[in-house]
C-alpha atoms as a PDB file:
ATOM      1  CA  MET A   1       8.754 -79.934   7.136  1.00  0.00           C
ATOM      2  CA  THR A   2       9.609 -81.033   3.627  1.00  0.00           C
ATOM      3  CA  ILE A   3       8.096 -79.413   0.618  1.00  0.00           C
ATOM      4  CA  ALA A   4       7.391 -81.716  -2.279  1.00  0.00           C
ATOM      5  CA  HIS A   5       8.339 -80.275  -5.652  1.00  0.00           C
ATOM      6  CA  LEU A   6       5.900 -81.386  -8.271  1.00  0.00           C
ATOM      7  CA  SER A   7       7.536 -82.506 -11.458  1.00  0.00           C
ATOM      8  CA  PRO A   8       5.893 -82.323 -14.874  1.00  0.00           C
ATOM      9  CA  ALA A   9       5.323 -86.051 -14.670  1.00  0.00           C
ATOM     10  CA  THR A  10       3.491 -85.623 -11.354  1.00  0.00           C
ATOM     11  CA  THR A  11       1.238 -82.808 -12.554  1.00  0.00           C
ATOM     12  CA  GLY A  12       0.535 -84.492 -15.814  1.00  0.00           C
ATOM     13  CA  ARG A  13       1.187 -81.271 -17.748  1.00  0.00           C
ATOM     14  CA  PRO A  14       4.304 -80.975 -19.917  1.00  0.00           C
ATOM     15  CA  THR A  15       6.447 -77.890 -19.718  1.00  0.00           C
ATOM     16  CA  GLY A  16       6.439 -75.425 -22.542  1.00  0.00           C
ATOM     17  CA  THR A  17       2.690 -75.656 -23.128  1.00  0.00           C
ATOM     18  CA  ARG A  18       0.613 -72.696 -24.205  1.00  0.00           C
ATOM     19  CA  ALA A  19      -0.657 -72.193 -20.632  1.00  0.00           C
ATOM     20  CA  ASP A  20       2.915 -71.794 -19.322  1.00  0.00           C
ATOM     21  CA  ARG A  21       3.956 -69.233 -21.926  1.00  0.00           C
ATOM     22  CA  PRO A  22       3.408 -65.509 -21.212  1.00  0.00           C
ATOM     23  CA  ARG A  23       0.478 -64.163 -23.127  1.00  0.00           C
ATOM     24  CA  ARG A  24       1.232 -61.531 -25.727  1.00  0.00           C
ATOM     25  CA  PRO A  25      -1.655 -59.114 -26.230  1.00  0.00           C
ATOM     26  CA  TRP A  26      -0.806 -58.563 -29.878  1.00  0.00           C
ATOM     27  CA  LEU A  27      -4.427 -58.273 -31.021  1.00  0.00           C
ATOM     28  CA  PRO A  28      -5.354 -55.287 -28.773  1.00  0.00           C
ATOM     29  CA  THR A  29      -2.045 -53.633 -29.680  1.00  0.00           C
ATOM     30  CA  ALA A  30      -2.720 -54.111 -33.384  1.00  0.00           C
ATOM     31  CA  VAL A  31      -6.235 -52.680 -33.038  1.00  0.00           C
ATOM     32  CA  LEU A  32      -4.886 -49.632 -31.173  1.00  0.00           C
ATOM     33  CA  LEU A  33      -2.212 -49.093 -33.816  1.00  0.00           C
ATOM     34  CA  LEU A  34      -4.791 -49.282 -36.591  1.00  0.00           C
ATOM     35  CA  GLY A  35      -7.002 -46.815 -34.735  1.00  0.00           C
ATOM     36  CA  ALA A  36      -4.041 -44.461 -34.263  1.00  0.00           C
ATOM     37  CA  LEU A  37      -3.211 -44.643 -37.967  1.00  0.00           C
ATOM     38  CA  TYR A  38      -6.846 -44.025 -38.875  1.00  0.00           C
ATOM     39  CA  CYS A  39      -6.856 -40.853 -36.759  1.00  0.00           C
ATOM     40  CA  LEU A  40      -3.362 -39.552 -37.466  1.00  0.00           C
ATOM     41  CA  VAL A  41      -2.988 -40.135 -41.224  1.00  0.00           C
ATOM     42  CA  PRO A  42      -5.578 -37.440 -42.180  1.00  0.00           C
ATOM     43  CA  VAL A  43      -3.922 -34.998 -39.755  1.00  0.00           C
ATOM     44  CA  ALA A  44      -0.503 -35.783 -41.221  1.00  0.00           C
ATOM     45  CA  TRP A  45      -1.842 -35.268 -44.740  1.00  0.00           C
ATOM     46  CA  VAL A  46      -3.317 -31.868 -43.810  1.00  0.00           C
ATOM     47  CA  LEU A  47      -0.012 -30.777 -42.268  1.00  0.00           C
ATOM     48  CA  VAL A  48       1.950 -31.911 -45.322  1.00  0.00           C
ATOM     49  CA  ALA A  49      -0.565 -30.484 -47.818  1.00  0.00           C
ATOM     50  CA  SER A  50      -0.403 -27.113 -46.084  1.00  0.00           C
ATOM     51  CA  THR A  51       3.257 -26.858 -47.129  1.00  0.00           C
ATOM     52  CA  LYS A  52       2.486 -27.298 -50.834  1.00  0.00           C
ATOM     53  CA  SER A  53       1.789 -24.570 -53.326  1.00  0.00           C
ATOM     54  CA  PRO A  54      -1.420 -24.838 -55.398  1.00  0.00           C
ATOM     55  CA  ALA A  55       0.556 -26.254 -58.327  1.00  0.00           C
ATOM     56  CA  GLU A  56       2.192 -28.917 -56.143  1.00  0.00           C
ATOM     57  CA  LEU A  57      -1.075 -29.744 -54.383  1.00  0.00           C
ATOM     58  CA  PHE A  58      -3.006 -30.536 -57.561  1.00  0.00           C
ATOM     59  CA  SER A  59      -0.180 -32.164 -59.514  1.00  0.00           C
ATOM     60  CA  THR A  60       1.067 -34.768 -57.017  1.00  0.00           C
ATOM     61  CA  PHE A  61      -0.345 -36.795 -54.149  1.00  0.00           C
ATOM     62  CA  THR A  62       2.556 -37.633 -51.836  1.00  0.00           C
ATOM     63  CA  PHE A  63       3.495 -37.139 -48.208  1.00  0.00           C
ATOM     64  CA  ALA A  64       6.640 -35.273 -49.201  1.00  0.00           C
ATOM     65  CA  PRO A  65       6.665 -31.664 -47.894  1.00  0.00           C
ATOM     66  CA  GLY A  66       6.221 -28.891 -50.428  1.00  0.00           C
ATOM     67  CA  THR A  67       7.813 -25.501 -50.847  1.00  0.00           C
ATOM     68  CA  GLY A  68       4.813 -23.195 -50.455  1.00  0.00           C
ATOM     69  CA  LEU A  69       4.226 -23.059 -46.684  1.00  0.00           C
ATOM     70  CA  PHE A  70       5.194 -19.425 -46.122  1.00  0.00           C
ATOM     71  CA  GLY A  71       3.406 -18.298 -49.246  1.00  0.00           C
ATOM     72  CA  ASN A  72       0.255 -20.130 -48.161  1.00  0.00           C
ATOM     73  CA  LEU A  73       0.403 -18.562 -44.706  1.00  0.00           C
ATOM     74  CA  ARG A  74       0.877 -15.099 -46.196  1.00  0.00           C
ATOM     75  CA  ASP A  75      -2.063 -15.563 -48.552  1.00  0.00           C
ATOM     76  CA  LEU A  76      -4.216 -17.009 -45.772  1.00  0.00           C
ATOM     77  CA  PHE A  77      -3.826 -14.081 -43.393  1.00  0.00           C
ATOM     78  CA  ALA A  78      -4.130 -11.588 -46.255  1.00  0.00           C
ATOM     79  CA  TYR A  79      -7.373 -13.117 -47.575  1.00  0.00           C
ATOM     80  CA  GLY A  80     -10.326 -10.756 -47.285  1.00  0.00           C
ATOM     81  CA  ASP A  81      -8.277  -8.097 -45.470  1.00  0.00           C
ATOM     82  CA  GLY A  82      -7.515 -10.402 -42.544  1.00  0.00           C
ATOM     83  CA  GLN A  83     -10.772 -12.326 -42.481  1.00  0.00           C
ATOM     84  CA  PHE A  84      -9.070 -15.503 -41.245  1.00  0.00           C
ATOM     85  CA  GLY A  85      -7.717 -13.644 -38.216  1.00  0.00           C
ATOM     86  CA  LEU A  86     -11.216 -12.372 -37.469  1.00  0.00           C
ATOM     87  CA  TRP A  87     -12.592 -15.919 -37.671  1.00  0.00           C
ATOM     88  CA  ALA A  88      -9.853 -17.078 -35.313  1.00  0.00           C
ATOM     89  CA  LEU A  89     -10.744 -14.344 -32.808  1.00  0.00           C
ATOM     90  CA  ASN A  90     -14.411 -15.331 -33.028  1.00  0.00           C
ATOM     91  CA  SER A  91     -13.517 -18.973 -32.351  1.00  0.00           C
ATOM     92  CA  LEU A  92     -11.399 -17.892 -29.394  1.00  0.00           C
ATOM     93  CA  LEU A  93     -14.289 -15.801 -28.069  1.00  0.00           C
ATOM     94  CA  TYR A  94     -16.857 -18.575 -28.419  1.00  0.00           C
ATOM     95  CA  SER A  95     -14.566 -21.276 -27.049  1.00  0.00           C
ATOM     96  CA  GLY A  96     -12.873 -19.311 -24.269  1.00  0.00           C
ATOM     97  CA  VAL A  97     -15.872 -17.469 -22.822  1.00  0.00           C
ATOM     98  CA  GLY A  98     -18.252 -20.371 -23.410  1.00  0.00           C
ATOM     99  CA  SER A  99     -15.895 -22.846 -21.744  1.00  0.00           C
ATOM    100  CA  LEU A 100     -15.271 -20.636 -18.709  1.00  0.00           C
ATOM    101  CA  LEU A 101     -18.991 -20.050 -18.148  1.00  0.00           C
ATOM    102  CA  SER A 102     -19.691 -23.732 -18.702  1.00  0.00           C
ATOM    103  CA  VAL A 103     -17.077 -24.693 -16.091  1.00  0.00           C
ATOM    104  CA  VAL A 104     -18.696 -22.374 -13.534  1.00  0.00           C
ATOM    105  CA  VAL A 105     -22.215 -23.669 -14.182  1.00  0.00           C
ATOM    106  CA  SER A 106     -21.159 -27.336 -14.406  1.00  0.00           C
ATOM    107  CA  THR A 107     -19.053 -27.200 -11.236  1.00  0.00           C
ATOM    108  CA  MET A 108     -21.760 -25.558  -9.130  1.00  0.00           C
ATOM    109  CA  PHE A 109     -24.525 -27.790 -10.485  1.00  0.00           C
ATOM    110  CA  GLY A 110     -22.473 -30.993 -10.173  1.00  0.00           C
ATOM    111  CA  TYR A 111     -21.339 -30.099  -6.655  1.00  0.00           C
ATOM    112  CA  ALA A 112     -24.929 -29.445  -5.573  1.00  0.00           C
ATOM    113  CA  LEU A 113     -26.061 -32.795  -6.983  1.00  0.00           C
ATOM    114  CA  ALA A 114     -23.211 -34.605  -5.223  1.00  0.00           C
ATOM    115  CA  LYS A 115     -23.223 -32.983  -1.779  1.00  0.00           C
ATOM    116  CA  PHE A 116     -26.747 -31.726  -1.049  1.00  0.00           C
ATOM    117  CA  ARG A 117     -30.006 -33.547  -0.443  1.00  0.00           C
ATOM    118  CA  PHE A 118     -33.023 -31.667  -1.750  1.00  0.00           C
ATOM    119  CA  ARG A 119     -36.380 -32.393  -3.275  1.00  0.00           C
ATOM    120  CA  GLY A 120     -36.145 -33.106  -6.983  1.00  0.00           C
ATOM    121  CA  ARG A 121     -32.451 -33.979  -6.908  1.00  0.00           C
ATOM    122  CA  ASN A 122     -32.984 -37.340  -8.609  1.00  0.00           C
ATOM    123  CA  VAL A 123     -35.199 -35.739 -11.251  1.00  0.00           C
ATOM    124  CA  ALA A 124     -32.494 -33.156 -11.983  1.00  0.00           C
ATOM    125  CA  PHE A 125     -29.832 -35.860 -12.158  1.00  0.00           C
ATOM    126  CA  TYR A 126     -31.812 -38.050 -14.549  1.00  0.00           C
ATOM    127  CA  THR A 127     -32.552 -34.993 -16.670  1.00  0.00           C
ATOM    128  CA  VAL A 128     -28.814 -34.365 -16.914  1.00  0.00           C
ATOM    129  CA  LEU A 129     -28.272 -38.014 -17.880  1.00  0.00           C
ATOM    130  CA  GLY A 130     -30.909 -37.632 -20.579  1.00  0.00           C
ATOM    131  CA  GLY A 131     -29.062 -34.594 -21.882  1.00  0.00           C
ATOM    132  CA  VAL A 132     -25.831 -36.620 -22.029  1.00  0.00           C
ATOM    133  CA  LEU A 133     -27.534 -39.322 -24.094  1.00  0.00           C
ATOM    134  CA  LEU A 134     -29.253 -36.842 -26.418  1.00  0.00           C
ATOM    135  CA  PRO A 135     -27.165 -35.938 -29.504  1.00  0.00           C
ATOM    136  CA  GLY A 136     -26.434 -32.230 -29.632  1.00  0.00           C
ATOM    137  CA  ILE A 137     -27.298 -32.072 -33.323  1.00  0.00           C
ATOM    138  CA  THR A 138     -30.979 -32.659 -32.499  1.00  0.00           C
ATOM    139  CA  LEU A 139     -31.068 -29.435 -30.454  1.00  0.00           C
ATOM    140  CA  ALA A 140     -29.684 -27.111 -33.131  1.00  0.00           C
ATOM    141  CA  ILE A 141     -32.996 -26.310 -34.824  1.00  0.00           C
ATOM    142  CA  PRO A 142     -34.972 -25.807 -31.552  1.00  0.00           C
ATOM    143  CA  GLN A 143     -32.177 -23.570 -30.269  1.00  0.00           C
ATOM    144  CA  TYR A 144     -32.308 -21.512 -33.460  1.00  0.00           C
ATOM    145  CA  LEU A 145     -36.087 -21.098 -33.148  1.00  0.00           C
ATOM    146  CA  LEU A 146     -35.670 -20.047 -29.516  1.00  0.00           C
ATOM    147  CA  MET A 147     -32.930 -17.531 -30.337  1.00  0.00           C
ATOM    148  CA  SER A 148     -35.028 -16.129 -33.168  1.00  0.00           C
ATOM    149  CA  LYS A 149     -37.965 -15.718 -30.801  1.00  0.00           C
ATOM    150  CA  ILE A 150     -35.935 -13.588 -28.381  1.00  0.00           C
ATOM    151  CA  GLY A 151     -34.135 -11.681 -31.149  1.00  0.00           C
ATOM    152  CA  LEU A 152     -30.619 -13.075 -30.649  1.00  0.00           C
ATOM    153  CA  ALA A 153     -30.272 -15.126 -33.839  1.00  0.00           C
ATOM    154  CA  GLY A 154     -27.314 -13.926 -35.874  1.00  0.00           C
ATOM    155  CA  SER A 155     -25.470 -12.465 -32.865  1.00  0.00           C
ATOM    156  CA  HIS A 156     -22.536 -13.785 -30.843  1.00  0.00           C
ATOM    157  CA  TRP A 157     -24.940 -14.675 -28.042  1.00  0.00           C
ATOM    158  CA  ALA A 158     -26.690 -17.189 -30.292  1.00  0.00           C
ATOM    159  CA  VAL A 159     -23.512 -19.305 -30.231  1.00  0.00           C
ATOM    160  CA  LEU A 160     -22.379 -18.479 -26.683  1.00  0.00           C
ATOM    161  CA  LEU A 161     -25.561 -19.149 -24.711  1.00  0.00           C
ATOM    162  CA  PRO A 162     -26.218 -22.748 -25.875  1.00  0.00           C
ATOM    163  CA  SER A 163     -22.615 -23.698 -25.101  1.00  0.00           C
ATOM    164  CA  ILE A 164     -22.856 -22.694 -21.428  1.00  0.00           C
ATOM    165  CA  ILE A 165     -24.968 -25.689 -20.399  1.00  0.00           C
ATOM    166  CA  SER A 166     -23.070 -28.958 -20.812  1.00  0.00           C
ATOM    167  CA  PRO A 167     -24.878 -32.051 -19.484  1.00  0.00           C
ATOM    168  CA  PHE A 168     -21.703 -34.117 -19.697  1.00  0.00           C
ATOM    169  CA  GLY A 169     -19.770 -31.390 -17.854  1.00  0.00           C
ATOM    170  CA  ILE A 170     -22.363 -31.386 -15.067  1.00  0.00           C
ATOM    171  CA  TYR A 171     -22.239 -35.169 -14.844  1.00  0.00           C
ATOM    172  CA  LEU A 172     -18.425 -35.144 -14.768  1.00  0.00           C
ATOM    173  CA  ALA A 173     -18.393 -32.467 -12.047  1.00  0.00           C
ATOM    174  CA  ARG A 174     -20.823 -34.522  -9.956  1.00  0.00           C
ATOM    175  CA  VAL A 175     -18.698 -37.653 -10.263  1.00  0.00           C
ATOM    176  CA  TYR A 176     -15.516 -35.742  -9.440  1.00  0.00           C
ATOM    177  CA  ALA A 177     -17.076 -33.986  -6.435  1.00  0.00           C
ATOM    178  CA  MET A 178     -18.311 -37.304  -5.046  1.00  0.00           C
ATOM    179  CA  SER A 179     -14.874 -38.914  -5.366  1.00  0.00           C
ATOM    180  CA  THR A 180     -12.538 -36.094  -4.290  1.00  0.00           C
ATOM    181  CA  VAL A 181     -14.453 -33.949  -1.774  1.00  0.00           C
ATOM    182  CA  PRO A 182     -14.884 -35.887   1.511  1.00  0.00           C
ATOM    183  CA  ASP A 183     -18.066 -35.243   3.479  1.00  0.00           C
ATOM    184  CA  GLU A 184     -15.988 -35.149   6.681  1.00  0.00           C
ATOM    185  CA  THR A 185     -13.991 -32.187   5.373  1.00  0.00           C
ATOM    186  CA  LEU A 186     -17.172 -30.271   4.605  1.00  0.00           C
ATOM    187  CA  GLU A 187     -18.603 -31.037   8.045  1.00  0.00           C
ATOM    188  CA  ALA A 188     -15.386 -29.829   9.688  1.00  0.00           C
ATOM    189  CA  ALA A 189     -15.567 -26.560   7.749  1.00  0.00           C
ATOM    190  CA  ARG A 190     -19.194 -26.069   8.782  1.00  0.00           C
ATOM    191  CA  LEU A 191     -18.357 -26.755  12.422  1.00  0.00           C
ATOM    192  CA  ASP A 192     -15.677 -24.058  12.202  1.00  0.00           C
ATOM    193  CA  GLY A 193     -18.378 -21.592  11.203  1.00  0.00           C
ATOM    194  CA  ALA A 194     -17.882 -21.461   7.459  1.00  0.00           C
ATOM    195  CA  GLY A 195     -21.008 -20.886   5.386  1.00  0.00           C
ATOM    196  CA  GLU A 196     -21.952 -22.983   2.396  1.00  0.00           C
ATOM    197  CA  PHE A 197     -20.547 -20.551  -0.147  1.00  0.00           C
ATOM    198  CA  ARG A 198     -17.243 -20.189   1.706  1.00  0.00           C
ATOM    199  CA  THR A 199     -17.032 -23.956   2.135  1.00  0.00           C
ATOM    200  CA  PHE A 200     -17.576 -24.404  -1.577  1.00  0.00           C
ATOM    201  CA  ALA A 201     -15.151 -21.658  -2.629  1.00  0.00           C
ATOM    202  CA  SER A 202     -12.349 -22.274  -0.111  1.00  0.00           C
ATOM    203  CA  VAL A 203     -12.536 -26.025   0.527  1.00  0.00           C
ATOM    204  CA  SER A 204     -14.230 -27.792  -2.362  1.00  0.00           C
ATOM    205  CA  LEU A 205     -13.039 -25.819  -5.388  1.00  0.00           C
ATOM    206  CA  PRO A 206      -9.290 -26.400  -4.787  1.00  0.00           C
ATOM    207  CA  MET A 207      -9.976 -30.148  -4.644  1.00  0.00           C
ATOM    208  CA  MET A 208     -11.970 -30.032  -7.881  1.00  0.00           C
ATOM    209  CA  VAL A 209      -9.425 -28.114  -9.994  1.00  0.00           C
ATOM    210  CA  PRO A 210      -8.309 -31.136 -12.097  1.00  0.00           C
ATOM    211  CA  GLY A 211     -11.946 -31.978 -12.845  1.00  0.00           C
ATOM    212  CA  MET A 212     -12.669 -28.364 -13.759  1.00  0.00           C
ATOM    213  CA  VAL A 213      -9.663 -28.321 -16.095  1.00  0.00           C
ATOM    214  CA  THR A 214     -10.978 -31.474 -17.769  1.00  0.00           C
ATOM    215  CA  ILE A 215     -14.399 -29.898 -18.262  1.00  0.00           C
ATOM    216  CA  PHE A 216     -12.805 -26.743 -19.648  1.00  0.00           C
ATOM    217  CA  MET A 217     -10.679 -28.722 -22.095  1.00  0.00           C
ATOM    218  CA  LEU A 218     -13.562 -30.846 -23.350  1.00  0.00           C
ATOM    219  CA  GLN A 219     -15.814 -27.814 -23.755  1.00  0.00           C
ATOM    220  CA  PHE A 220     -13.130 -25.734 -25.443  1.00  0.00           C
ATOM    221  CA  VAL A 221     -12.389 -28.449 -27.998  1.00  0.00           C
ATOM    222  CA  GLY A 222     -16.092 -29.112 -28.557  1.00  0.00           C
ATOM    223  CA  ILE A 223     -16.955 -25.437 -29.131  1.00  0.00           C
ATOM    224  CA  TRP A 224     -13.815 -24.818 -31.225  1.00  0.00           C
ATOM    225  CA  ASN A 225     -14.728 -27.699 -33.551  1.00  0.00           C
ATOM    226  CA  ASN A 226     -18.471 -27.030 -33.545  1.00  0.00           C
ATOM    227  CA  PHE A 227     -19.829 -26.409 -37.014  1.00  0.00           C
ATOM    228  CA  LEU A 228     -23.579 -26.964 -37.152  1.00  0.00           C
ATOM    229  CA  LEU A 229     -24.673 -24.535 -34.426  1.00  0.00           C
ATOM    230  CA  PRO A 230     -22.808 -21.439 -35.742  1.00  0.00           C
ATOM    231  CA  PHE A 231     -23.646 -22.463 -39.318  1.00  0.00           C
ATOM    232  CA  ILE A 232     -27.354 -22.328 -38.457  1.00  0.00           C
ATOM    233  CA  MET A 233     -27.230 -19.324 -36.139  1.00  0.00           C
ATOM    234  CA  LEU A 234     -24.970 -16.924 -38.058  1.00  0.00           C
ATOM    235  CA  SER A 235     -25.376 -15.246 -41.421  1.00  0.00           C
ATOM    236  CA  ASP A 236     -22.761 -12.479 -41.129  1.00  0.00           C
ATOM    237  CA  GLU A 237     -19.286 -13.632 -42.233  1.00  0.00           C
ATOM    238  CA  SER A 238     -17.660 -11.272 -39.752  1.00  0.00           C
ATOM    239  CA  ARG A 239     -19.095 -13.401 -36.904  1.00  0.00           C
ATOM    240  CA  TYR A 240     -18.115 -16.787 -38.337  1.00  0.00           C
ATOM    241  CA  PRO A 241     -15.838 -19.088 -36.333  1.00  0.00           C
ATOM    242  CA  LEU A 242     -13.031 -20.931 -38.058  1.00  0.00           C
ATOM    243  CA  THR A 243     -15.121 -24.006 -38.863  1.00  0.00           C
ATOM    244  CA  VAL A 244     -17.797 -22.096 -40.765  1.00  0.00           C
ATOM    245  CA  GLY A 245     -15.240 -19.721 -42.300  1.00  0.00           C
ATOM    246  CA  LEU A 246     -13.150 -22.554 -43.701  1.00  0.00           C
ATOM    247  CA  TYR A 247     -16.303 -24.204 -45.014  1.00  0.00           C
ATOM    248  CA  SER A 248     -17.149 -21.003 -46.867  1.00  0.00           C
ATOM    249  CA  LEU A 249     -13.666 -21.072 -48.418  1.00  0.00           C
ATOM    250  CA  LEU A 250     -14.265 -24.627 -49.620  1.00  0.00           C
ATOM    251  CA  ALA A 251     -17.657 -23.625 -51.011  1.00  0.00           C
ATOM    252  CA  LYS A 252     -16.041 -20.808 -52.989  1.00  0.00           C
ATOM    253  CA  GLY A 253     -13.204 -23.085 -54.081  1.00  0.00           C
ATOM    254  CA  SER A 254     -15.299 -24.613 -56.846  1.00  0.00           C
ATOM    255  CA  GLY A 255     -14.893 -21.342 -58.754  1.00  0.00           C
ATOM    256  CA  GLU A 256     -11.439 -20.440 -57.421  1.00  0.00           C
ATOM    257  CA  PRO A 257      -9.253 -23.559 -56.950  1.00  0.00           C
ATOM    258  CA  ALA A 258      -6.602 -21.506 -55.166  1.00  0.00           C
ATOM    259  CA  LEU A 259      -8.963 -21.237 -52.189  1.00  0.00           C
ATOM    260  CA  TYR A 260      -8.588 -24.962 -51.581  1.00  0.00           C
ATOM    261  CA  SER A 261      -4.982 -24.354 -50.555  1.00  0.00           C
ATOM    262  CA  LEU A 262      -6.100 -21.600 -48.188  1.00  0.00           C
ATOM    263  CA  ALA A 263      -8.718 -23.883 -46.635  1.00  0.00           C
ATOM    264  CA  ILE A 264      -6.154 -26.646 -46.096  1.00  0.00           C
ATOM    265  CA  VAL A 265      -3.524 -24.406 -44.528  1.00  0.00           C
ATOM    266  CA  GLY A 266      -6.284 -22.773 -42.438  1.00  0.00           C
ATOM    267  CA  ALA A 267      -7.302 -26.207 -41.121  1.00  0.00           C
ATOM    268  CA  ALA A 268      -3.671 -26.917 -40.209  1.00  0.00           C
ATOM    269  CA  VAL A 269      -3.319 -23.579 -38.405  1.00  0.00           C
ATOM    270  CA  SER A 270      -6.585 -24.155 -36.499  1.00  0.00           C
ATOM    271  CA  ILE A 271      -5.098 -27.290 -34.912  1.00  0.00           C
ATOM    272  CA  VAL A 272      -2.202 -25.389 -33.338  1.00  0.00           C
ATOM    273  CA  PRO A 273      -4.197 -23.645 -30.533  1.00  0.00           C
ATOM    274  CA  LEU A 274      -5.710 -26.970 -29.447  1.00  0.00           C
ATOM    275  CA  ILE A 275      -2.277 -28.607 -29.224  1.00  0.00           C
ATOM    276  CA  ALA A 276      -0.889 -25.629 -27.293  1.00  0.00           C
ATOM    277  CA  LEU A 277      -3.835 -25.663 -24.887  1.00  0.00           C
ATOM    278  CA  LEU A 278      -3.475 -29.396 -24.243  1.00  0.00           C
ATOM    279  CA  LEU A 279       0.256 -29.043 -23.559  1.00  0.00           C
ATOM    280  CA  PHE A 280      -0.417 -26.142 -21.195  1.00  0.00           C
ATOM    281  CA  LEU A 281      -3.223 -27.828 -19.242  1.00  0.00           C
ATOM    282  CA  GLN A 282      -1.629 -31.255 -18.886  1.00  0.00           C
ATOM    283  CA  ARG A 283       0.399 -30.050 -15.886  1.00  0.00           C
ATOM    284  CA  PHE A 284      -2.831 -29.884 -13.879  1.00  0.00           C
ATOM    285  CA  TRP A 285      -3.524 -33.559 -14.582  1.00  0.00           C
ATOM    286  CA  ARG A 286       0.101 -34.433 -13.742  1.00  0.00           C
ATOM    287  CA  MET A 287      -0.160 -32.553 -10.443  1.00  0.00           C
ATOM    288  CA  ASP A 288      -3.343 -34.472  -9.640  1.00  0.00           C
ATOM    289  CA  LEU A 289      -1.615 -37.812 -10.284  1.00  0.00           C
ATOM    290  CA  ILE A 290       1.340 -36.819  -8.105  1.00  0.00           C
ATOM    291  CA  SER A 291      -0.907 -35.675  -5.261  1.00  0.00           C
ATOM    292  CA  GLY A 292      -2.889 -38.895  -5.526  1.00  0.00           C
ATOM    293  CA  GLY A 293       0.304 -40.915  -5.257  1.00  0.00           C
ATOM    294  CA  LEU A 294       1.401 -38.937  -2.186  1.00  0.00           C
ATOM    295  CA  LYS A 295      -1.961 -39.500  -0.549  1.00  0.00           C
ATOM    296  CA  GLY A 296      -1.665 -43.220  -1.154  1.00  0.00           C
END
C-alpha cells in the first residue's frame, strides 16, 4: 500500500500560513500579568512602607526600602501597652476557633447532603445555595439585632457564632464528598458491621481531609480579614481583631500622623500569619495530588 503525500499544491494551502503556525496565547498571559500586578503592587507598597520611618514615609514616595523597620515594630508592639498583640490574639481566636468549628459543621452537613437520602434534602441544599449567593454584608445588621436580643452583642461570641455556619463551606464539603467518597466503600463498611458514625469517622473523614483543609483555609482567611461584622458587634477595644484595631489607628491618625506608620506596619505584620498558614497547609494539597496520580 502506498501512501500519497499531499503537497501544498495539492491541498491548495500554502505553507507558513497563520493556521500552520503555533498559536501564542499572549492575550490571556498579558491579562493574568496585569491582574497579578494589580494585586501585588499594593502589597509590595505596604511591605516597603513598613520599613520607612514617619519622616521618610511622608517626605518621599518610592519603592526603595527605608531605615525605620525595627523602630516601627518596636513602637507597634509598645503601643497602648501591647494593644496590637491583644488584637492579634483576638484575631487568632476568632479565626482559629471559628474555622475549626466551621470545618466540623460544614463537613458533617455536606457529607449528609451527599450520601444520605432524606425528606427535605433538596430544600436544605437549595437553602445552602441561596446562602452562597447572598452577600455576607447583608446579614451583618440582622445578626447584630439577633445577638443583642440574646445578650451576646459586644462579646467574643458575637463574632464567633456567625462564623461557624459557612454556606460555601457546606457546598464545598458536599461536592468533595460526592467526588472522593465512593458509595461502594461505605456499603462495604456497613456490611462489616460499622455504624454510620464509625463509617463517617473512620472511612469518610480520611478521604475528605484535603477538602476539609481547603474549607479551613478559606474560613480562616475570611474571618481574619473580616471587618464589618466585628466593627458592628464590638465596642470594647480589648476585644477588637486586627482589622478593626488597625482601622481605629487610622481614625486616630488624623490627629497623630505617627499612627499612620503604625497602621501600615501593623497591616504588613498581619499578612505574615496568612502566608505561614498557606505554606504549612499546602502539603495537604500536594499529598492529595500525589495520591490522585497514584490512583490513576
